[in-house]
C-alpha atoms as a PDB file:
ATOM      1  CA  MET A   1     113.889  49.773 201.231  1.00  0.00           C
ATOM      2  CA  CYS A   2     117.150  49.892 203.217  1.00  0.00           C
ATOM      3  CA  LYS A   3     120.460  49.706 201.372  1.00  0.00           C
ATOM      4  CA  PHE A   4     122.662  49.788 204.505  1.00  0.00           C
ATOM      5  CA  TYR A   5     124.747  52.580 203.073  1.00  0.00           C
ATOM      6  CA  ASN A   6     126.343  54.911 205.660  1.00  0.00           C
ATOM      7  CA  LEU A   7     125.040  52.890 208.601  1.00  0.00           C
ATOM      8  CA  ASN A   8     127.171  52.698 211.722  1.00  0.00           C
ATOM      9  CA  VAL A   9     127.841  49.134 212.857  1.00  0.00           C
ATOM     10  CA  PRO A  10     127.523  48.798 216.661  1.00  0.00           C
ATOM     11  CA  ASP A  11     130.458  47.334 218.540  1.00  0.00           C
ATOM     12  CA  ARG A  12     129.979  43.818 219.866  1.00  0.00           C
ATOM     13  CA  ARG A  13     130.754  44.004 223.587  1.00  0.00           C
ATOM     14  CA  SER A  14     129.891  41.146 225.903  1.00  0.00           C
ATOM     15  CA  GLY A  15     129.017  43.528 228.711  1.00  0.00           C
ATOM     16  CA  GLU A  16     126.214  45.091 226.693  1.00  0.00           C
ATOM     17  CA  ILE A  17     124.263  41.915 225.999  1.00  0.00           C
ATOM     18  CA  ASN A  18     120.848  42.184 227.601  1.00  0.00           C
ATOM     19  CA  ALA A  19     118.635  39.398 228.826  1.00  0.00           C
ATOM     20  CA  GLY A  20     116.449  39.483 225.742  1.00  0.00           C
ATOM     21  CA  ALA A  21     119.208  39.421 223.137  1.00  0.00           C
ATOM     22  CA  PRO A  22     119.435  36.141 221.183  1.00  0.00           C
ATOM     23  CA  THR A  23     122.856  34.515 221.315  1.00  0.00           C
ATOM     24  CA  LEU A  24     124.537  31.299 220.223  1.00  0.00           C
ATOM     25  CA  ASN A  25     126.350  30.625 223.477  1.00  0.00           C
ATOM     26  CA  ASN A  26     124.838  27.151 223.758  1.00  0.00           C
ATOM     27  CA  THR A  27     124.986  25.943 220.182  1.00  0.00           C
ATOM     28  CA  HIS A  28     126.865  22.799 221.223  1.00  0.00           C
ATOM     29  CA  SER A  29     123.860  21.398 223.081  1.00  0.00           C
ATOM     30  CA  ASP A  30     121.284  19.137 221.495  1.00  0.00           C
ATOM     31  CA  GLY A  31     118.564  21.602 222.377  1.00  0.00           C
ATOM     32  CA  GLU A  32     115.799  19.006 222.505  1.00  0.00           C
ATOM     33  CA  ASP A  33     114.576  20.221 225.902  1.00  0.00           C
ATOM     34  CA  GLU A  34     114.769  23.914 225.038  1.00  0.00           C
ATOM     35  CA  GLU A  35     111.638  25.948 224.617  1.00  0.00           C
ATOM     36  CA  ARG A  36     111.749  27.094 221.011  1.00  0.00           C
ATOM     37  CA  PRO A  37     110.379  30.547 220.172  1.00  0.00           C
ATOM     38  CA  PRO A  38     107.130  30.613 218.181  1.00  0.00           C
ATOM     39  CA  GLU A  39     108.041  30.892 214.501  1.00  0.00           C
ATOM     40  CA  GLN A  40     105.011  32.972 213.593  1.00  0.00           C
ATOM     41  CA  GLU A  41     105.715  35.792 216.046  1.00  0.00           C
ATOM     42  CA  LEU A  42     107.508  38.869 214.699  1.00  0.00           C
ATOM     43  CA  PRO A  43     108.890  41.845 216.601  1.00  0.00           C
ATOM     44  CA  SER A  44     106.981  45.086 216.184  1.00  0.00           C
ATOM     45  CA  VAL A  45     108.636  47.965 214.331  1.00  0.00           C
ATOM     46  CA  THR A  46     108.495  51.417 215.923  1.00  0.00           C
ATOM     47  CA  VAL A  47     108.205  54.630 213.940  1.00  0.00           C
ATOM     48  CA  GLN A  48     111.832  55.425 214.805  1.00  0.00           C
ATOM     49  CA  GLU A  49     113.092  52.208 213.200  1.00  0.00           C
ATOM     50  CA  HIS A  50     113.932  51.619 209.544  1.00  0.00           C
ATOM     51  CA  LYS A  51     111.639  48.832 208.378  1.00  0.00           C
ATOM     52  CA  LEU A  52     113.030  46.157 206.074  1.00  0.00           C
ATOM     53  CA  GLU A  53     111.314  45.223 202.828  1.00  0.00           C
ATOM     54  CA  TYR A  54     110.848  41.692 204.228  1.00  0.00           C
ATOM     55  CA  SER A  55     111.018  40.150 207.704  1.00  0.00           C
ATOM     56  CA  TYR A  56     113.580  37.426 208.337  1.00  0.00           C
ATOM     57  CA  TRP A  57     114.300  34.385 210.471  1.00  0.00           C
ATOM     58  CA  MET A  58     117.813  33.498 211.631  1.00  0.00           C
ATOM     59  CA  TRP A  59     118.325  29.768 212.103  1.00  0.00           C
ATOM     60  CA  PHE A  60     121.237  27.815 213.537  1.00  0.00           C
ATOM     61  CA  SER A  61     121.959  24.152 212.926  1.00  0.00           C
ATOM     62  CA  ARG A  62     124.762  21.748 213.597  1.00  0.00           C
ATOM     63  CA  ARG A  63     124.912  18.640 211.494  1.00  0.00           C
ATOM     64  CA  PRO A  64     123.947  15.606 213.598  1.00  0.00           C
ATOM     65  CA  PRO A  65     125.686  12.243 213.262  1.00  0.00           C
ATOM     66  CA  ALA A  66     124.480  10.230 210.293  1.00  0.00           C
ATOM     67  CA  ARG A  67     122.884   7.632 212.554  1.00  0.00           C
ATOM     68  CA  GLU A  68     120.743  10.359 214.154  1.00  0.00           C
ATOM     69  CA  LEU A  69     119.833  12.030 210.895  1.00  0.00           C
ATOM     70  CA  SER A  70     118.418   8.679 209.764  1.00  0.00           C
ATOM     71  CA  ASN A  71     118.054   9.892 206.191  1.00  0.00           C
ATOM     72  CA  SER A  72     114.933  11.863 207.047  1.00  0.00           C
ATOM     73  CA  VAL A  73     113.659  15.390 206.774  1.00  0.00           C
ATOM     74  CA  HIS A  74     112.436  15.043 210.358  1.00  0.00           C
ATOM     75  CA  GLY A  75     115.980  14.395 211.571  1.00  0.00           C
ATOM     76  CA  TYR A  76     117.311  17.483 209.825  1.00  0.00           C
ATOM     77  CA  GLY A  77     114.398  19.601 211.004  1.00  0.00           C
ATOM     78  CA  GLN A  78     115.187  18.622 214.585  1.00  0.00           C
ATOM     79  CA  ALA A  79     118.679  20.082 214.148  1.00  0.00           C
ATOM     80  CA  LEU A  80     117.317  23.511 213.148  1.00  0.00           C
ATOM     81  CA  ARG A  81     117.024  26.076 215.922  1.00  0.00           C
ATOM     82  CA  LEU A  82     115.377  29.462 215.469  1.00  0.00           C
ATOM     83  CA  VAL A  83     117.567  32.064 217.177  1.00  0.00           C
ATOM     84  CA  GLY A  84     116.059  35.354 216.061  1.00  0.00           C
ATOM     85  CA  ARG A  85     113.562  37.310 213.981  1.00  0.00           C
ATOM     86  CA  VAL A  86     114.088  40.767 212.527  1.00  0.00           C
ATOM     87  CA  SER A  87     111.889  43.276 210.728  1.00  0.00           C
ATOM     88  CA  SER A  88     114.019  46.444 210.847  1.00  0.00           C
ATOM     89  CA  VAL A  89     117.612  47.588 210.407  1.00  0.00           C
ATOM     90  CA  GLU A  90     117.943  48.236 214.122  1.00  0.00           C
ATOM     91  CA  GLN A  91     116.610  44.786 215.025  1.00  0.00           C
ATOM     92  CA  TRP A  92     119.067  43.204 212.597  1.00  0.00           C
ATOM     93  CA  TRP A  93     122.089  44.842 214.208  1.00  0.00           C
ATOM     94  CA  GLY A  94     120.725  44.032 217.642  1.00  0.00           C
ATOM     95  CA  LEU A  95     120.673  40.369 216.652  1.00  0.00           C
ATOM     96  CA  TYR A  96     123.831  40.252 214.576  1.00  0.00           C
ATOM     97  CA  CYS A  97     126.070  41.959 217.123  1.00  0.00           C
ATOM     98  CA  HIS A  98     125.292  39.277 219.699  1.00  0.00           C
ATOM     99  CA  LEU A  99     125.671  36.250 217.433  1.00  0.00           C
ATOM    100  CA  ALA A 100     128.828  34.169 217.358  1.00  0.00           C
ATOM    101  CA  ARG A 101     131.091  35.030 214.441  1.00  0.00           C
ATOM    102  CA  PRO A 102     131.990  32.381 211.842  1.00  0.00           C
ATOM    103  CA  ALA A 103     135.449  31.896 213.379  1.00  0.00           C
ATOM    104  CA  GLU A 104     133.809  31.144 216.742  1.00  0.00           C
ATOM    105  CA  LEU A 105     131.458  28.457 215.448  1.00  0.00           C
ATOM    106  CA  PRO A 106     132.447  24.777 215.589  1.00  0.00           C
ATOM    107  CA  PRO A 107     132.850  22.803 212.353  1.00  0.00           C
ATOM    108  CA  LEU A 108     129.654  21.415 210.808  1.00  0.00           C
ATOM    109  CA  SER A 109     127.712  24.470 212.007  1.00  0.00           C
ATOM    110  CA  ASP A 110     125.389  26.483 209.780  1.00  0.00           C
ATOM    111  CA  LEU A 111     123.684  29.857 210.039  1.00  0.00           C
ATOM    112  CA  HIS A 112     120.651  30.450 207.812  1.00  0.00           C
ATOM    113  CA  LEU A 113     119.116  33.900 207.271  1.00  0.00           C
ATOM    114  CA  PHE A 114     115.808  33.318 205.457  1.00  0.00           C
ATOM    115  CA  LYS A 115     112.685  35.290 204.759  1.00  0.00           C
ATOM    116  CA  VAL A 116     109.896  34.638 207.236  1.00  0.00           C
ATOM    117  CA  GLY A 117     107.778  31.713 206.089  1.00  0.00           C
ATOM    118  CA  ILE A 118     110.660  29.894 204.371  1.00  0.00           C
ATOM    119  CA  LYS A 119     112.681  27.219 206.150  1.00  0.00           C
ATOM    120  CA  PRO A 120     116.232  26.389 204.985  1.00  0.00           C
ATOM    121  CA  MET A 121     115.229  23.000 203.611  1.00  0.00           C
ATOM    122  CA  TRP A 122     115.140  21.691 200.039  1.00  0.00           C
ATOM    123  CA  GLU A 123     111.585  20.488 200.502  1.00  0.00           C
ATOM    124  CA  ASP A 124     110.120  23.803 201.639  1.00  0.00           C
ATOM    125  CA  PRO A 125     107.542  24.891 199.015  1.00  0.00           C
ATOM    126  CA  ALA A 126     109.512  28.078 198.346  1.00  0.00           C
ATOM    127  CA  ASN A 127     112.724  26.125 197.722  1.00  0.00           C
ATOM    128  CA  VAL A 128     111.693  22.910 196.017  1.00  0.00           C
ATOM    129  CA  ASN A 129     111.814  24.381 192.485  1.00  0.00           C
ATOM    130  CA  GLY A 130     114.749  26.653 193.205  1.00  0.00           C
ATOM    131  CA  GLY A 131     118.486  26.428 193.517  1.00  0.00           C
ATOM    132  CA  LYS A 132     121.543  28.012 195.086  1.00  0.00           C
ATOM    133  CA  TRP A 133     124.833  29.603 194.169  1.00  0.00           C
ATOM    134  CA  VAL A 134     127.743  28.488 196.344  1.00  0.00           C
ATOM    135  CA  VAL A 135     131.223  29.871 196.898  1.00  0.00           C
ATOM    136  CA  ARG A 136     134.054  28.306 198.882  1.00  0.00           C
ATOM    137  CA  LEU A 137     136.095  30.597 201.127  1.00  0.00           C
ATOM    138  CA  ARG A 138     139.342  30.138 202.981  1.00  0.00           C
ATOM    139  CA  LYS A 139     139.309  30.378 206.753  1.00  0.00           C
ATOM    140  CA  GLY A 140     139.741  33.988 207.769  1.00  0.00           C
ATOM    141  CA  GLN A 141     137.765  35.365 204.818  1.00  0.00           C
ATOM    142  CA  THR A 142     134.351  34.239 205.945  1.00  0.00           C
ATOM    143  CA  GLY A 143     133.506  36.750 208.674  1.00  0.00           C
ATOM    144  CA  ARG A 144     133.433  39.879 206.532  1.00  0.00           C
ATOM    145  CA  ALA A 145     131.984  38.027 203.542  1.00  0.00           C
ATOM    146  CA  TRP A 146     129.085  36.664 205.625  1.00  0.00           C
ATOM    147  CA  GLU A 147     128.279  40.109 206.992  1.00  0.00           C
ATOM    148  CA  ASP A 148     128.389  41.655 203.513  1.00  0.00           C
ATOM    149  CA  LEU A 149     126.159  38.925 202.097  1.00  0.00           C
ATOM    150  CA  CYS A 150     123.541  39.335 204.827  1.00  0.00           C
ATOM    151  CA  MET A 151     123.518  43.094 204.337  1.00  0.00           C
ATOM    152  CA  ALA A 152     123.140  42.689 200.583  1.00  0.00           C
ATOM    153  CA  MET A 153     120.084  40.492 201.017  1.00  0.00           C
ATOM    154  CA  LEU A 154     118.451  42.625 203.696  1.00  0.00           C
ATOM    155  CA  GLY A 155     119.139  45.746 201.634  1.00  0.00           C
ATOM    156  CA  GLU A 156     117.592  44.251 198.453  1.00  0.00           C
ATOM    157  CA  GLN A 157     120.831  44.528 196.485  1.00  0.00           C
ATOM    158  CA  PHE A 158     120.058  41.368 194.511  1.00  0.00           C
ATOM    159  CA  MET A 159     117.107  43.150 192.897  1.00  0.00           C
ATOM    160  CA  VAL A 160     115.036  39.983 192.427  1.00  0.00           C
ATOM    161  CA  GLY A 161     112.364  40.738 195.047  1.00  0.00           C
ATOM    162  CA  PRO A 162     110.459  37.700 196.349  1.00  0.00           C
ATOM    163  CA  GLU A 163     112.585  35.399 194.195  1.00  0.00           C
ATOM    164  CA  LEU A 164     115.319  35.448 196.845  1.00  0.00           C
ATOM    165  CA  CYS A 165     114.805  32.976 199.722  1.00  0.00           C
ATOM    166  CA  GLY A 166     117.830  33.261 201.969  1.00  0.00           C
ATOM    167  CA  VAL A 167     121.569  32.980 202.520  1.00  0.00           C
ATOM    168  CA  VAL A 168     123.543  30.269 204.308  1.00  0.00           C
ATOM    169  CA  LEU A 169     126.902  30.148 206.067  1.00  0.00           C
ATOM    170  CA  SER A 170     128.384  26.652 206.396  1.00  0.00           C
ATOM    171  CA  VAL A 171     131.416  26.270 208.669  1.00  0.00           C
ATOM    172  CA  ARG A 172     133.538  23.238 207.856  1.00  0.00           C
ATOM    173  CA  PHE A 173     136.950  21.938 208.887  1.00  0.00           C
ATOM    174  CA  GLN A 174     139.248  23.142 206.103  1.00  0.00           C
ATOM    175  CA  GLU A 175     137.168  25.919 204.535  1.00  0.00           C
ATOM    176  CA  ASP A 176     133.770  27.558 204.723  1.00  0.00           C
ATOM    177  CA  TYR A 177     130.915  28.047 202.270  1.00  0.00           C
ATOM    178  CA  LEU A 178     128.424  30.781 201.523  1.00  0.00           C
ATOM    179  CA  ALA A 179     125.264  30.087 199.553  1.00  0.00           C
ATOM    180  CA  VAL A 180     122.399  32.146 198.150  1.00  0.00           C
ATOM    181  CA  TRP A 181     119.069  30.340 197.735  1.00  0.00           C
ATOM    182  CA  HIS A 182     116.343  31.443 195.321  1.00  0.00           C
ATOM    183  CA  ARG A 183     112.952  30.150 194.178  1.00  0.00           C
ATOM    184  CA  THR A 184     113.125  29.340 190.459  1.00  0.00           C
ATOM    185  CA  ALA A 185     116.021  27.363 189.006  1.00  0.00           C
ATOM    186  CA  SER A 186     114.443  27.484 185.535  1.00  0.00           C
ATOM    187  CA  ASP A 187     114.572  31.302 185.386  1.00  0.00           C
ATOM    188  CA  ALA A 188     117.900  31.911 183.648  1.00  0.00           C
ATOM    189  CA  ALA A 189     117.728  35.686 184.112  1.00  0.00           C
ATOM    190  CA  VAL A 190     117.279  35.391 187.877  1.00  0.00           C
ATOM    191  CA  VAL A 191     120.005  32.748 188.141  1.00  0.00           C
ATOM    192  CA  ALA A 192     122.425  35.044 186.310  1.00  0.00           C
ATOM    193  CA  ARG A 193     121.482  38.110 188.343  1.00  0.00           C
ATOM    194  CA  VAL A 194     121.948  36.296 191.656  1.00  0.00           C
ATOM    195  CA  ARG A 195     125.335  35.025 190.474  1.00  0.00           C
ATOM    196  CA  ASP A 196     126.521  38.427 189.295  1.00  0.00           C
ATOM    197  CA  THR A 197     125.339  40.167 192.466  1.00  0.00           C
ATOM    198  CA  LEU A 198     127.020  37.567 194.670  1.00  0.00           C
ATOM    199  CA  ARG A 199     130.279  38.090 192.819  1.00  0.00           C
ATOM    200  CA  ARG A 200     129.977  41.883 193.084  1.00  0.00           C
ATOM    201  CA  VAL A 201     128.981  41.970 196.769  1.00  0.00           C
ATOM    202  CA  LEU A 202     131.862  39.714 197.804  1.00  0.00           C
ATOM    203  CA  GLN A 203     134.248  41.395 195.346  1.00  0.00           C
ATOM    204  CA  LEU A 204     135.175  38.062 193.798  1.00  0.00           C
ATOM    205  CA  SER A 205     137.439  38.050 190.771  1.00  0.00           C
ATOM    206  CA  SER A 206     136.393  36.209 187.635  1.00  0.00           C
ATOM    207  CA  THR A 207     138.845  33.433 188.513  1.00  0.00           C
ATOM    208  CA  VAL A 208     136.980  32.508 191.716  1.00  0.00           C
ATOM    209  CA  PRO A 209     134.635  29.620 190.852  1.00  0.00           C
ATOM    210  CA  LEU A 210     130.956  29.680 191.780  1.00  0.00           C
ATOM    211  CA  GLU A 211     128.918  26.485 191.749  1.00  0.00           C
ATOM    212  CA  TYR A 212     125.201  26.253 191.031  1.00  0.00           C
ATOM    213  CA  LYS A 213     122.925  23.501 192.341  1.00  0.00           C
ATOM    214  CA  ALA A 214     119.241  23.062 191.615  1.00  0.00           C
ATOM    215  CA  HIS A 215     117.418  21.774 194.698  1.00  0.00           C
ATOM    216  CA  GLY A 216     115.404  19.322 192.612  1.00  0.00           C
ATOM    217  CA  ASP A 217     118.613  17.676 191.400  1.00  0.00           C
ATOM    218  CA  CYS A 218     119.866  17.474 194.989  1.00  0.00           C
ATOM    219  CA  ILE A 219     116.622  15.870 196.162  1.00  0.00           C
ATOM    220  CA  ARG A 220     116.704  13.263 193.384  1.00  0.00           C
ATOM    221  CA  ALA A 221     120.393  12.503 193.884  1.00  0.00           C
ATOM    222  CA  ASN A 222     119.934  12.137 197.628  1.00  0.00           C
ATOM    223  CA  ALA A 223     116.892   9.897 197.178  1.00  0.00           C
ATOM    224  CA  SER A 224     118.834   7.693 194.763  1.00  0.00           C
ATOM    225  CA  ARG A 225     121.811   7.491 197.113  1.00  0.00           C
ATOM    226  CA  THR A 226     119.565   6.693 200.069  1.00  0.00           C
ATOM    227  CA  HIS A 227     117.814   3.946 198.110  1.00  0.00           C
ATOM    228  CA  GLU A 228     121.168   2.305 197.395  1.00  0.00           C
ATOM    229  CA  GLU A 229     122.396   2.552 200.991  1.00  0.00           C
ATOM    230  CA  VAL A 230     119.392   1.273 202.975  1.00  0.00           C
ATOM    231  CA  PRO A 231     117.621  -2.115 202.954  1.00  0.00           C
ATOM    232  CA  ALA A 232     114.643  -2.356 200.634  1.00  0.00           C
ATOM    233  CA  THR A 233     112.307  -2.814 203.613  1.00  0.00           C
ATOM    234  CA  THR A 234     113.274   0.560 205.096  1.00  0.00           C
ATOM    235  CA  SER A 235     111.133   3.590 204.328  1.00  0.00           C
ATOM    236  CA  THR A 236     113.221   6.585 203.209  1.00  0.00           C
ATOM    237  CA  THR A 237     112.753  10.289 202.711  1.00  0.00           C
ATOM    238  CA  THR A 238     115.124  13.016 201.580  1.00  0.00           C
ATOM    239  CA  ALA A 239     117.456  14.994 203.805  1.00  0.00           C
ATOM    240  CA  ASN A 240     118.539  18.618 203.526  1.00  0.00           C
ATOM    241  CA  SER A 241     121.338  19.624 201.169  1.00  0.00           C
ATOM    242  CA  ASP A 242     123.456  21.652 203.530  1.00  0.00           C
ATOM    243  CA  GLN A 243     123.786  18.774 205.977  1.00  0.00           C
ATOM    244  CA  SER A 244     125.017  15.953 203.685  1.00  0.00           C
ATOM    245  CA  PRO A 245     128.760  15.394 203.180  1.00  0.00           C
ATOM    246  CA  PRO A 246     129.871  16.052 199.583  1.00  0.00           C
ATOM    247  CA  PRO A 247     131.617  13.509 197.366  1.00  0.00           C
ATOM    248  CA  ALA A 248     135.387  13.746 197.388  1.00  0.00           C
ATOM    249  CA  THR A 249     135.360  15.411 193.963  1.00  0.00           C
ATOM    250  CA  SER A 250     132.559  17.857 194.732  1.00  0.00           C
ATOM    251  CA  THR A 251     133.184  21.602 194.564  1.00  0.00           C
ATOM    252  CA  THR A 252     130.025  22.502 196.437  1.00  0.00           C
ATOM    253  CA  PRO A 253     129.270  22.642 200.164  1.00  0.00           C
ATOM    254  CA  PRO A 254     127.610  19.802 202.022  1.00  0.00           C
END
């Protein structure tokens, strides 16, 4: 179990990027013609590396126009792009140091660091009965907070084991959002522990609001909204939470 204490963070220098390092240099493209890496493949861990408790996927997505999303899970899934897989501390820094920073990402972009086998979608079996804690951050605060949150998850600082699913960075126009997803919204003890750890890791004062959303509520609300917006003859399915624009009065990320 790696806590990431006393680890040296490598410098991010463009001249050191090798041909095999995953980057987000082309995140503005649609990516439909790209060859996507096999999701089931994981990098091997050498005896010199520090193995993580769990292996992780890093996903990138950029919210498509509403007409392309077409109110479907398929449309959202098409926007997801797998950009890396890590199983050790060294592999994590090798990936992270070559990824675009939050300030470099265009609005409506999202980074998702999730355990292998779990996709950042409401409807994934690991997420459907779960929920997420969300915090809004001003521009300029997100970079360090995102790094700290990723390290806390990889280093098992939440102390909820397999209950934790992943963390999400959502870059928007006026502010950014960080979210922590977990499996069981009905488990009050886990919900409280995730909340308290999130507040501690990001060093948030008690006056900074955190918002909780159960994925089941999001799915039902989205289905109801979709039913009202489309003709009765149109077949509808639910879309993913982190890609739908919030109501004007909402305090949670899209």
